[in-house]
N, C-alpha and C. Protein backbone atom coordinates (compact mmCIF):
# COMPACT_ATOMS: atom_id res chain seq x y z
N MET A 1 15.58 64.00 -52.91
CA MET A 1 14.60 63.26 -53.57
C MET A 1 14.95 61.84 -53.56
N ALA A 2 16.21 61.39 -53.67
CA ALA A 2 16.67 60.06 -53.84
C ALA A 2 16.27 59.34 -52.47
N ASP A 3 16.50 60.05 -51.39
CA ASP A 3 16.15 59.42 -50.03
C ASP A 3 14.61 59.15 -49.97
N SER A 4 13.78 60.02 -50.43
CA SER A 4 12.30 59.67 -50.40
C SER A 4 11.98 58.54 -51.26
N SER A 5 12.59 58.51 -52.43
CA SER A 5 12.30 57.35 -53.40
C SER A 5 12.74 56.03 -52.69
N ALA A 6 13.92 56.05 -52.11
CA ALA A 6 14.45 54.89 -51.52
C ALA A 6 13.52 54.39 -50.30
N SER A 7 13.10 55.29 -49.58
CA SER A 7 12.15 55.11 -48.39
C SER A 7 10.87 54.52 -48.85
N ASN A 8 10.29 55.06 -49.90
CA ASN A 8 9.05 54.56 -50.43
C ASN A 8 9.17 53.13 -51.10
N LEU A 9 10.31 52.94 -51.70
CA LEU A 9 10.55 51.56 -52.34
C LEU A 9 10.66 50.51 -51.25
N SER A 10 11.42 50.96 -50.20
CA SER A 10 11.59 49.93 -49.12
C SER A 10 10.26 49.69 -48.45
N GLN A 11 9.42 50.63 -48.18
CA GLN A 11 8.15 50.37 -47.61
C GLN A 11 7.25 49.55 -48.55
N ARG A 12 7.28 49.90 -49.84
CA ARG A 12 6.47 49.18 -50.82
C ARG A 12 6.84 47.71 -50.90
N TRP A 13 8.16 47.40 -50.77
CA TRP A 13 8.62 46.05 -50.88
C TRP A 13 8.88 45.31 -49.53
N SER A 14 8.24 45.77 -48.55
CA SER A 14 8.51 45.17 -47.24
C SER A 14 7.85 43.74 -47.06
N LEU A 15 8.56 42.75 -46.64
CA LEU A 15 8.04 41.55 -46.40
C LEU A 15 8.02 41.22 -44.89
N LYS A 16 7.96 42.23 -44.09
CA LYS A 16 7.83 42.05 -42.64
C LYS A 16 6.56 41.34 -42.30
N GLY A 17 6.54 40.30 -41.48
CA GLY A 17 5.47 39.47 -41.14
C GLY A 17 5.32 38.28 -42.14
N MET A 18 5.93 38.30 -43.23
CA MET A 18 5.86 37.10 -44.10
C MET A 18 6.87 36.03 -43.80
N THR A 19 6.49 34.82 -44.11
CA THR A 19 7.42 33.71 -43.95
C THR A 19 7.71 32.96 -45.29
N ALA A 20 8.95 32.40 -45.30
CA ALA A 20 9.38 31.93 -46.47
C ALA A 20 10.20 30.56 -46.19
N LEU A 21 10.11 29.67 -47.12
CA LEU A 21 10.85 28.48 -47.14
C LEU A 21 11.75 28.46 -48.44
N VAL A 22 13.07 28.33 -48.24
CA VAL A 22 13.94 28.38 -49.43
C VAL A 22 14.87 27.15 -49.39
N THR A 23 14.54 26.35 -50.32
CA THR A 23 15.40 25.07 -50.51
C THR A 23 16.67 25.36 -51.26
N GLY A 24 17.78 24.50 -50.90
CA GLY A 24 19.03 24.70 -51.56
C GLY A 24 19.56 26.05 -51.28
N ALA A 25 19.41 26.50 -50.00
CA ALA A 25 19.78 27.93 -49.72
C ALA A 25 21.22 28.28 -49.17
N SER A 26 22.04 27.23 -49.06
CA SER A 26 23.28 27.51 -48.67
C SER A 26 24.33 28.03 -49.62
N LYS A 27 23.95 28.00 -50.86
CA LYS A 27 24.88 28.44 -51.91
C LYS A 27 24.06 28.92 -53.11
N GLY A 28 24.78 29.62 -53.91
CA GLY A 28 24.32 30.09 -55.15
C GLY A 28 23.04 30.98 -55.13
N ILE A 29 22.18 30.68 -56.19
CA ILE A 29 20.97 31.41 -56.21
C ILE A 29 20.01 31.37 -55.00
N GLY A 30 19.99 30.09 -54.42
CA GLY A 30 19.16 30.02 -53.12
C GLY A 30 19.68 30.83 -52.05
N HIS A 31 20.98 31.03 -51.95
CA HIS A 31 21.63 31.77 -50.95
C HIS A 31 21.31 33.28 -51.24
N ALA A 32 21.35 33.66 -52.52
CA ALA A 32 21.12 35.11 -52.76
C ALA A 32 19.66 35.47 -52.53
N ILE A 33 18.65 34.54 -52.82
CA ILE A 33 17.30 34.64 -52.60
C ILE A 33 17.08 34.90 -51.08
N VAL A 34 17.65 34.23 -50.36
CA VAL A 34 17.61 34.35 -48.71
C VAL A 34 18.02 35.77 -48.42
N GLU A 35 19.23 36.08 -48.86
CA GLU A 35 19.68 37.48 -48.51
C GLU A 35 18.66 38.55 -48.98
N GLU A 36 18.08 38.45 -50.08
CA GLU A 36 17.13 39.43 -50.55
C GLU A 36 15.79 39.44 -49.69
N LEU A 37 15.23 38.28 -49.52
CA LEU A 37 14.01 38.07 -48.69
C LEU A 37 14.29 38.57 -47.32
N ALA A 38 15.39 38.24 -46.69
CA ALA A 38 15.62 38.61 -45.33
C ALA A 38 15.84 40.02 -45.21
N GLY A 39 16.44 40.58 -46.20
CA GLY A 39 16.77 42.07 -46.25
C GLY A 39 15.50 42.82 -46.37
N LEU A 40 14.45 42.19 -46.88
CA LEU A 40 13.21 42.88 -46.96
C LEU A 40 12.27 42.55 -45.70
N GLY A 41 12.80 41.77 -44.87
CA GLY A 41 12.05 41.63 -43.57
C GLY A 41 11.37 40.35 -43.37
N ALA A 42 11.56 39.36 -44.32
CA ALA A 42 10.85 38.01 -44.09
C ALA A 42 11.53 37.21 -43.12
N THR A 43 10.84 36.38 -42.45
CA THR A 43 11.31 35.30 -41.59
C THR A 43 11.45 34.05 -42.43
N ILE A 44 12.62 33.44 -42.48
CA ILE A 44 12.96 32.34 -43.40
C ILE A 44 13.35 31.17 -42.76
N HIS A 45 12.97 30.06 -43.37
CA HIS A 45 13.54 28.64 -43.00
C HIS A 45 14.26 28.20 -44.21
N ILE A 46 15.46 27.69 -44.01
CA ILE A 46 16.22 27.14 -45.26
C ILE A 46 16.36 25.57 -45.03
N CYS A 47 16.60 25.01 -46.17
CA CYS A 47 17.07 23.65 -46.07
C CYS A 47 18.22 23.37 -47.11
N ALA A 48 19.13 22.61 -46.78
CA ALA A 48 20.05 22.13 -47.66
C ALA A 48 20.56 20.75 -47.28
N ARG A 49 21.48 20.16 -47.99
CA ARG A 49 21.88 18.83 -47.71
C ARG A 49 23.09 18.74 -46.79
N ASN A 50 23.86 19.81 -46.63
CA ASN A 50 24.99 19.81 -45.74
C ASN A 50 24.80 20.59 -44.43
N LYS A 51 24.97 19.99 -43.36
CA LYS A 51 24.74 20.56 -42.03
C LYS A 51 25.79 21.63 -41.79
N ASP A 52 27.01 21.46 -42.07
CA ASP A 52 28.01 22.45 -41.94
C ASP A 52 27.85 23.72 -42.74
N ASP A 53 27.33 23.59 -43.96
CA ASP A 53 27.13 24.71 -44.77
C ASP A 53 25.86 25.55 -44.25
N ILE A 54 24.84 24.84 -43.67
CA ILE A 54 23.74 25.47 -43.10
C ILE A 54 24.16 26.28 -41.84
N ALA A 55 25.06 25.63 -40.99
CA ALA A 55 25.55 26.29 -39.67
C ALA A 55 26.25 27.57 -40.09
N THR A 56 26.99 27.54 -41.14
CA THR A 56 27.85 28.71 -41.58
C THR A 56 26.97 29.81 -41.92
N CYS A 57 25.99 29.51 -42.84
CA CYS A 57 25.03 30.47 -43.35
C CYS A 57 24.17 31.06 -42.21
N LEU A 58 23.73 30.26 -41.30
CA LEU A 58 22.95 30.82 -40.17
C LEU A 58 23.68 31.70 -39.38
N LYS A 59 24.92 31.37 -39.10
CA LYS A 59 25.72 32.17 -38.25
C LYS A 59 25.91 33.59 -38.96
N ASN A 60 26.23 33.65 -40.25
CA ASN A 60 26.44 34.88 -40.95
C ASN A 60 25.17 35.67 -41.05
N TRP A 61 24.02 35.04 -41.30
CA TRP A 61 22.70 35.76 -41.30
C TRP A 61 22.32 36.30 -40.01
N GLU A 62 22.59 35.61 -38.95
CA GLU A 62 22.26 36.02 -37.57
C GLU A 62 23.20 37.30 -37.39
N ALA A 63 24.43 37.39 -37.74
CA ALA A 63 25.24 38.57 -37.57
C ALA A 63 24.67 39.77 -38.29
N LYS A 64 23.99 39.46 -39.34
CA LYS A 64 23.33 40.59 -40.06
C LYS A 64 21.94 41.01 -39.50
N GLY A 65 21.45 40.23 -38.65
CA GLY A 65 20.12 40.55 -37.90
C GLY A 65 19.01 39.86 -38.66
N TYR A 66 19.26 38.97 -39.57
CA TYR A 66 18.22 38.29 -40.23
C TYR A 66 17.60 37.23 -39.44
N GLN A 67 16.25 36.86 -39.68
CA GLN A 67 15.61 35.92 -38.90
C GLN A 67 15.52 34.64 -39.85
N VAL A 68 16.52 33.79 -39.60
CA VAL A 68 16.56 32.55 -40.48
C VAL A 68 16.91 31.34 -39.62
N THR A 69 16.20 30.34 -39.85
CA THR A 69 16.35 29.00 -39.33
C THR A 69 16.67 28.09 -40.38
N GLY A 70 17.20 26.83 -39.98
CA GLY A 70 17.44 25.87 -40.99
C GLY A 70 17.54 24.56 -40.61
N SER A 71 17.41 23.57 -41.53
CA SER A 71 17.41 22.20 -41.30
C SER A 71 17.94 21.42 -42.51
N VAL A 72 18.57 20.27 -42.17
CA VAL A 72 19.04 19.36 -43.30
C VAL A 72 17.95 18.71 -43.95
N CYS A 73 17.90 18.71 -45.32
CA CYS A 73 16.91 18.08 -46.18
C CYS A 73 17.47 17.89 -47.56
N ASP A 74 17.28 16.65 -48.04
CA ASP A 74 17.48 16.41 -49.47
C ASP A 74 16.10 16.32 -50.09
N VAL A 75 15.70 17.31 -50.74
CA VAL A 75 14.27 17.44 -51.26
C VAL A 75 14.01 16.31 -52.30
N SER A 76 14.97 15.56 -52.74
CA SER A 76 14.68 14.52 -53.66
C SER A 76 14.17 13.26 -52.89
N VAL A 77 14.27 13.22 -51.63
CA VAL A 77 13.84 12.07 -50.81
C VAL A 77 12.54 12.34 -50.19
N PRO A 78 11.49 11.64 -50.52
CA PRO A 78 10.09 11.88 -50.11
C PRO A 78 9.87 11.99 -48.51
N ALA A 79 10.61 11.09 -47.77
CA ALA A 79 10.46 11.12 -46.41
C ALA A 79 11.11 12.43 -45.77
N GLU A 80 12.13 12.83 -46.39
CA GLU A 80 12.86 14.13 -45.90
C GLU A 80 12.02 15.24 -46.22
N ARG A 81 11.23 15.23 -47.41
CA ARG A 81 10.30 16.47 -47.73
C ARG A 81 9.19 16.49 -46.67
N GLU A 82 8.67 15.26 -46.36
CA GLU A 82 7.66 15.26 -45.29
C GLU A 82 8.15 15.80 -43.96
N GLU A 83 9.33 15.41 -43.56
CA GLU A 83 9.84 15.95 -42.18
C GLU A 83 10.05 17.47 -42.34
N LEU A 84 10.52 17.89 -43.56
CA LEU A 84 10.70 19.34 -43.73
C LEU A 84 9.40 20.09 -43.44
N MET A 85 8.41 19.58 -44.11
CA MET A 85 7.08 20.18 -43.92
C MET A 85 6.55 20.28 -42.59
N LYS A 86 6.86 19.26 -41.81
CA LYS A 86 6.42 19.25 -40.31
C LYS A 86 7.31 20.25 -39.63
N THR A 87 8.58 20.39 -39.92
CA THR A 87 9.43 21.41 -39.28
C THR A 87 8.99 22.76 -39.63
N VAL A 88 8.78 22.99 -40.92
CA VAL A 88 8.37 24.37 -41.32
C VAL A 88 6.99 24.70 -40.69
N SER A 89 6.11 23.89 -40.64
CA SER A 89 4.81 24.07 -40.04
C SER A 89 5.00 24.41 -38.48
N SER A 90 5.90 23.74 -37.88
CA SER A 90 6.11 24.09 -36.53
C SER A 90 6.79 25.39 -36.27
N VAL A 91 7.74 25.75 -37.08
CA VAL A 91 8.55 27.00 -36.92
C VAL A 91 7.67 28.13 -37.26
N PHE A 92 6.82 28.09 -38.29
CA PHE A 92 5.91 29.24 -38.64
C PHE A 92 4.60 29.03 -38.14
N GLY A 93 4.27 28.31 -37.27
CA GLY A 93 2.97 28.17 -36.74
C GLY A 93 1.90 27.81 -37.85
N GLY A 94 2.27 27.15 -38.83
CA GLY A 94 1.27 26.69 -39.86
C GLY A 94 1.26 27.79 -41.01
N LYS A 95 1.85 28.89 -40.92
CA LYS A 95 1.82 29.91 -41.99
C LYS A 95 3.01 29.98 -42.88
N LEU A 96 2.86 29.64 -44.07
CA LEU A 96 3.82 29.76 -44.99
C LEU A 96 3.41 30.64 -46.20
N ASN A 97 4.09 31.78 -46.43
CA ASN A 97 3.66 32.65 -47.44
C ASN A 97 4.45 32.51 -48.74
N ILE A 98 5.75 32.20 -48.63
CA ILE A 98 6.63 32.10 -49.86
C ILE A 98 7.27 30.78 -49.86
N LEU A 99 7.32 30.18 -51.04
CA LEU A 99 8.13 28.98 -51.21
C LEU A 99 9.06 29.12 -52.39
N VAL A 100 10.33 28.93 -52.20
CA VAL A 100 11.35 28.98 -53.25
C VAL A 100 11.99 27.69 -53.33
N SER A 101 11.87 26.94 -54.39
CA SER A 101 12.45 25.58 -54.44
C SER A 101 13.25 25.49 -55.76
């Protein structure tokens, strides 16, 4: 019975085919959110201020089979936010379903 419930839950909560942008995703709550969304099948783009932190995260997520890309961005800087939106639009073909900021 537990297996059936788990199977139903995973189907109910599938994010396969969905796209997400998570800012501040290399640490803390943002990192945990990426883990959860990717585990449910979402394709994710992250941003953070530190290039090395992003690279480490992307490597770990790739090893888990998650579909995650990333770029450096300080969302407090308007020009960097604009560039992030261009990047996300390109990566996702203009489709963004989930924003976590």
